[in-house]
Amino acid sequence: MVTNFNGYFLIYADKTLTTHTVHNCKVYLVRAPDGLKLTNLNGGIQGATLNPQDRIVHWRNHPFLVYRVGDLAVEPICPR
């Protein structure tokens, strides 16, 4: 999954995923660009929990709840 410039992404899930079970979902950093490494800032490596927001967006005539995670980051690989 890739984010847009602002860090937003859309998760497609089957209809068995409800707002009651979404708290079990986590977001992970998977890879970093060349010369950078992953960090665990806000759970980027261990898994960041989705936090519900008081917002609904409509896309293709369907309402979607908005969730967020804290900022995730990569850092430079420093040679020793």
N, C-alpha and C. Protein backbone atom coordinates (compact mmCIF):
# COMPACT_ATOMS: atom_id res chain seq x y z
N MET A 1 0.85 -1.16 0.00
CA MET A 1 0.00 0.00 0.00
C MET A 1 0.90 1.23 0.00
N VAL A 2 0.52 2.21 -0.71
CA VAL A 2 1.29 3.45 -0.82
C VAL A 2 0.42 4.60 -0.35
N THR A 3 1.04 5.56 0.32
CA THR A 3 0.30 6.74 0.76
C THR A 3 0.40 7.84 -0.28
N ASN A 4 -0.48 8.82 -0.17
CA ASN A 4 -0.35 9.99 -1.03
C ASN A 4 0.63 10.97 -0.38
N PHE A 5 0.78 12.14 -0.95
CA PHE A 5 1.73 13.13 -0.46
C PHE A 5 1.47 13.52 1.00
N ASN A 6 0.21 13.50 1.41
CA ASN A 6 -0.15 13.88 2.78
C ASN A 6 -0.16 12.71 3.75
N GLY A 7 0.21 11.52 3.27
CA GLY A 7 0.25 10.36 4.14
C GLY A 7 -1.06 9.61 4.27
N TYR A 8 -2.06 9.96 3.45
CA TYR A 8 -3.34 9.27 3.50
C TYR A 8 -3.30 8.01 2.65
N PHE A 9 -4.04 7.00 3.10
CA PHE A 9 -4.17 5.77 2.33
C PHE A 9 -5.56 5.22 2.55
N LEU A 10 -5.99 4.37 1.65
CA LEU A 10 -7.32 3.77 1.73
C LEU A 10 -7.14 2.27 1.90
N ILE A 11 -7.80 1.73 2.90
CA ILE A 11 -7.74 0.30 3.16
C ILE A 11 -9.06 -0.31 2.70
N TYR A 12 -8.98 -1.26 1.82
CA TYR A 12 -10.16 -2.00 1.40
C TYR A 12 -10.26 -3.24 2.29
N ALA A 13 -11.40 -3.44 2.90
CA ALA A 13 -11.59 -4.61 3.76
C ALA A 13 -12.92 -5.25 3.41
N ASP A 14 -13.01 -6.55 3.69
CA ASP A 14 -14.30 -7.19 3.41
C ASP A 14 -15.32 -6.73 4.46
N LYS A 15 -16.55 -7.08 4.24
CA LYS A 15 -17.63 -6.57 5.09
C LYS A 15 -17.65 -7.19 6.48
N THR A 16 -16.78 -8.17 6.75
CA THR A 16 -16.74 -8.75 8.09
C THR A 16 -15.93 -7.88 9.05
N LEU A 17 -15.16 -6.92 8.53
CA LEU A 17 -14.42 -6.00 9.38
C LEU A 17 -15.36 -4.89 9.81
N THR A 18 -15.61 -4.80 11.09
CA THR A 18 -16.53 -3.79 11.61
C THR A 18 -15.77 -2.76 12.43
N THR A 19 -16.46 -1.69 12.80
CA THR A 19 -15.81 -0.69 13.65
C THR A 19 -15.46 -1.27 15.01
N HIS A 20 -16.12 -2.35 15.39
CA HIS A 20 -15.81 -3.00 16.66
C HIS A 20 -14.49 -3.77 16.58
N THR A 21 -14.17 -4.32 15.43
CA THR A 21 -12.95 -5.13 15.30
C THR A 21 -11.77 -4.37 14.71
N VAL A 22 -11.99 -3.16 14.22
CA VAL A 22 -10.90 -2.42 13.56
C VAL A 22 -9.78 -2.09 14.54
N HIS A 23 -10.06 -2.07 15.85
CA HIS A 23 -9.00 -1.78 16.82
C HIS A 23 -7.92 -2.85 16.83
N ASN A 24 -8.18 -4.00 16.22
CA ASN A 24 -7.16 -5.05 16.11
C ASN A 24 -6.23 -4.84 14.92
N CYS A 25 -6.53 -3.89 14.06
CA CYS A 25 -5.71 -3.62 12.88
C CYS A 25 -4.54 -2.70 13.24
N LYS A 26 -3.41 -2.93 12.60
CA LYS A 26 -2.23 -2.09 12.81
C LYS A 26 -1.61 -1.72 11.47
N VAL A 27 -0.89 -0.61 11.48
CA VAL A 27 -0.18 -0.12 10.30
C VAL A 27 1.31 -0.26 10.58
N TYR A 28 2.07 -0.78 9.61
CA TYR A 28 3.51 -0.98 9.76
C TYR A 28 4.27 -0.30 8.63
N LEU A 29 5.46 0.19 8.95
CA LEU A 29 6.37 0.59 7.88
C LEU A 29 6.96 -0.69 7.31
N VAL A 30 7.00 -0.81 6.01
CA VAL A 30 7.48 -2.03 5.38
C VAL A 30 8.89 -1.87 4.84
N ARG A 31 9.16 -0.76 4.20
CA ARG A 31 10.50 -0.54 3.66
C ARG A 31 10.78 0.96 3.61
N ALA A 32 12.06 1.26 3.51
CA ALA A 32 12.50 2.65 3.44
C ALA A 32 13.25 2.85 2.13
N PRO A 33 13.25 4.08 1.62
CA PRO A 33 14.04 4.37 0.41
C PRO A 33 15.53 4.10 0.65
N ASP A 34 16.28 3.94 -0.43
CA ASP A 34 17.72 3.70 -0.32
C ASP A 34 18.38 4.77 0.55
N GLY A 35 19.28 4.33 1.42
CA GLY A 35 20.00 5.24 2.29
C GLY A 35 19.27 5.59 3.57
N LEU A 36 18.06 5.06 3.73
CA LEU A 36 17.28 5.33 4.94
C LEU A 36 16.89 4.02 5.60
N LYS A 37 16.60 4.08 6.91
CA LYS A 37 16.14 2.89 7.62
C LYS A 37 14.86 3.22 8.38
N LEU A 38 14.10 2.17 8.68
CA LEU A 38 12.84 2.32 9.40
C LEU A 38 13.09 2.73 10.84
N THR A 39 12.16 3.45 11.45
CA THR A 39 12.21 3.74 12.88
C THR A 39 10.92 3.23 13.52
N ASN A 40 10.94 3.14 14.84
CA ASN A 40 9.74 2.69 15.54
C ASN A 40 8.95 3.88 16.11
N LEU A 41 9.17 5.07 15.58
CA LEU A 41 8.43 6.24 16.01
C LEU A 41 6.94 5.98 15.87
N ASN A 42 6.20 6.13 16.95
CA ASN A 42 4.75 5.89 16.98
C ASN A 42 4.36 4.50 16.51
N GLY A 43 5.26 3.52 16.69
CA GLY A 43 4.93 2.14 16.36
C GLY A 43 5.15 1.75 14.92
N GLY A 44 5.99 2.47 14.20
CA GLY A 44 6.21 2.18 12.78
C GLY A 44 6.72 0.78 12.51
N ILE A 45 7.52 0.21 13.42
CA ILE A 45 8.04 -1.14 13.24
C ILE A 45 7.17 -2.16 13.98
N GLN A 46 6.78 -1.85 15.21
CA GLN A 46 5.98 -2.78 16.02
C GLN A 46 4.50 -2.78 15.65
N GLY A 47 4.06 -1.77 14.96
CA GLY A 47 2.66 -1.69 14.55
C GLY A 47 1.94 -0.54 15.23
N ALA A 48 1.45 0.39 14.44
CA ALA A 48 0.73 1.56 14.94
C ALA A 48 -0.77 1.27 14.92
N THR A 49 -1.43 1.51 16.03
CA THR A 49 -2.86 1.27 16.16
C THR A 49 -3.66 2.36 15.45
N LEU A 50 -4.71 1.95 14.77
CA LEU A 50 -5.61 2.90 14.12
C LEU A 50 -6.47 3.59 15.17
N ASN A 51 -6.52 4.90 15.14
CA ASN A 51 -7.33 5.68 16.07
C ASN A 51 -8.48 6.34 15.32
N PRO A 52 -9.73 6.12 15.79
CA PRO A 52 -10.87 6.70 15.08
C PRO A 52 -10.90 8.22 15.20
N GLN A 53 -11.34 8.86 14.15
CA GLN A 53 -11.51 10.32 14.13
C GLN A 53 -12.99 10.62 13.99
N ASP A 54 -13.40 11.77 14.45
CA ASP A 54 -14.81 12.17 14.32
C ASP A 54 -15.03 12.76 12.93
N ARG A 55 -14.88 11.91 11.93
CA ARG A 55 -14.98 12.38 10.55
C ARG A 55 -15.43 11.24 9.65
N ILE A 56 -16.26 11.57 8.70
CA ILE A 56 -16.69 10.61 7.68
C ILE A 56 -16.45 11.26 6.33
N VAL A 57 -15.88 10.50 5.41
CA VAL A 57 -15.70 10.99 4.04
C VAL A 57 -16.55 10.12 3.12
N HIS A 58 -16.98 10.70 2.03
CA HIS A 58 -17.79 9.96 1.06
C HIS A 58 -16.98 9.78 -0.21
N TRP A 59 -16.95 8.54 -0.69
CA TRP A 59 -16.23 8.21 -1.91
C TRP A 59 -17.06 7.21 -2.68
N ARG A 60 -17.31 7.51 -3.93
CA ARG A 60 -18.14 6.65 -4.78
C ARG A 60 -19.48 6.34 -4.11
N ASN A 61 -20.08 7.37 -3.55
CA ASN A 61 -21.40 7.26 -2.92
C ASN A 61 -21.45 6.33 -1.71
N HIS A 62 -20.32 6.10 -1.06
CA HIS A 62 -20.27 5.29 0.15
C HIS A 62 -19.59 6.08 1.26
N PRO A 63 -20.11 5.99 2.49
CA PRO A 63 -19.46 6.67 3.60
C PRO A 63 -18.30 5.82 4.15
N PHE A 64 -17.21 6.48 4.49
CA PHE A 64 -16.06 5.81 5.07
C PHE A 64 -15.68 6.53 6.36
N LEU A 65 -15.43 5.76 7.41
CA LEU A 65 -14.93 6.32 8.65
C LEU A 65 -13.45 6.63 8.48
N VAL A 66 -12.98 7.66 9.15
CA VAL A 66 -11.58 8.06 9.06
C VAL A 66 -10.86 7.64 10.34
N TYR A 67 -9.72 7.00 10.16
CA TYR A 67 -8.84 6.62 11.27
C TYR A 67 -7.47 7.22 10.99
N ARG A 68 -6.67 7.36 12.03
CA ARG A 68 -5.32 7.89 11.82
C ARG A 68 -4.35 7.14 12.72
N VAL A 69 -3.09 7.25 12.37
CA VAL A 69 -2.00 6.80 13.23
C VAL A 69 -1.09 8.01 13.41
N GLY A 70 -0.23 7.97 14.40
CA GLY A 70 0.73 9.06 14.57
C GLY A 70 1.70 9.07 13.40
N ASP A 71 2.50 10.11 13.33
CA ASP A 71 3.49 10.21 12.25
C ASP A 71 4.46 9.04 12.32
N LEU A 72 4.75 8.44 11.18
CA LEU A 72 5.74 7.38 11.07
C LEU A 72 6.94 7.96 10.35
N ALA A 73 8.14 7.44 10.63
CA ALA A 73 9.33 8.09 10.07
C ALA A 73 10.41 7.08 9.71
N VAL A 74 11.28 7.52 8.82
CA VAL A 74 12.52 6.82 8.50
C VAL A 74 13.66 7.78 8.85
N GLU A 75 14.87 7.23 8.97
CA GLU A 75 16.02 8.06 9.28
C GLU A 75 17.21 7.62 8.45
N PRO A 76 18.21 8.49 8.31
CA PRO A 76 19.39 8.15 7.51
C PRO A 76 20.17 6.99 8.12
N ILE A 77 20.73 6.17 7.26
CA ILE A 77 21.66 5.14 7.71
C ILE A 77 23.02 5.81 7.84
N CYS A 78 23.56 5.84 9.03
CA CYS A 78 24.85 6.51 9.26
C CYS A 78 25.96 5.48 9.25
N PRO A 79 26.97 5.67 8.39
CA PRO A 79 28.10 4.73 8.40
C PRO A 79 28.88 4.88 9.69
N ARG A 80 29.44 3.77 10.17
CA ARG A 80 30.24 3.81 11.42
C ARG A 80 31.67 4.12 11.14
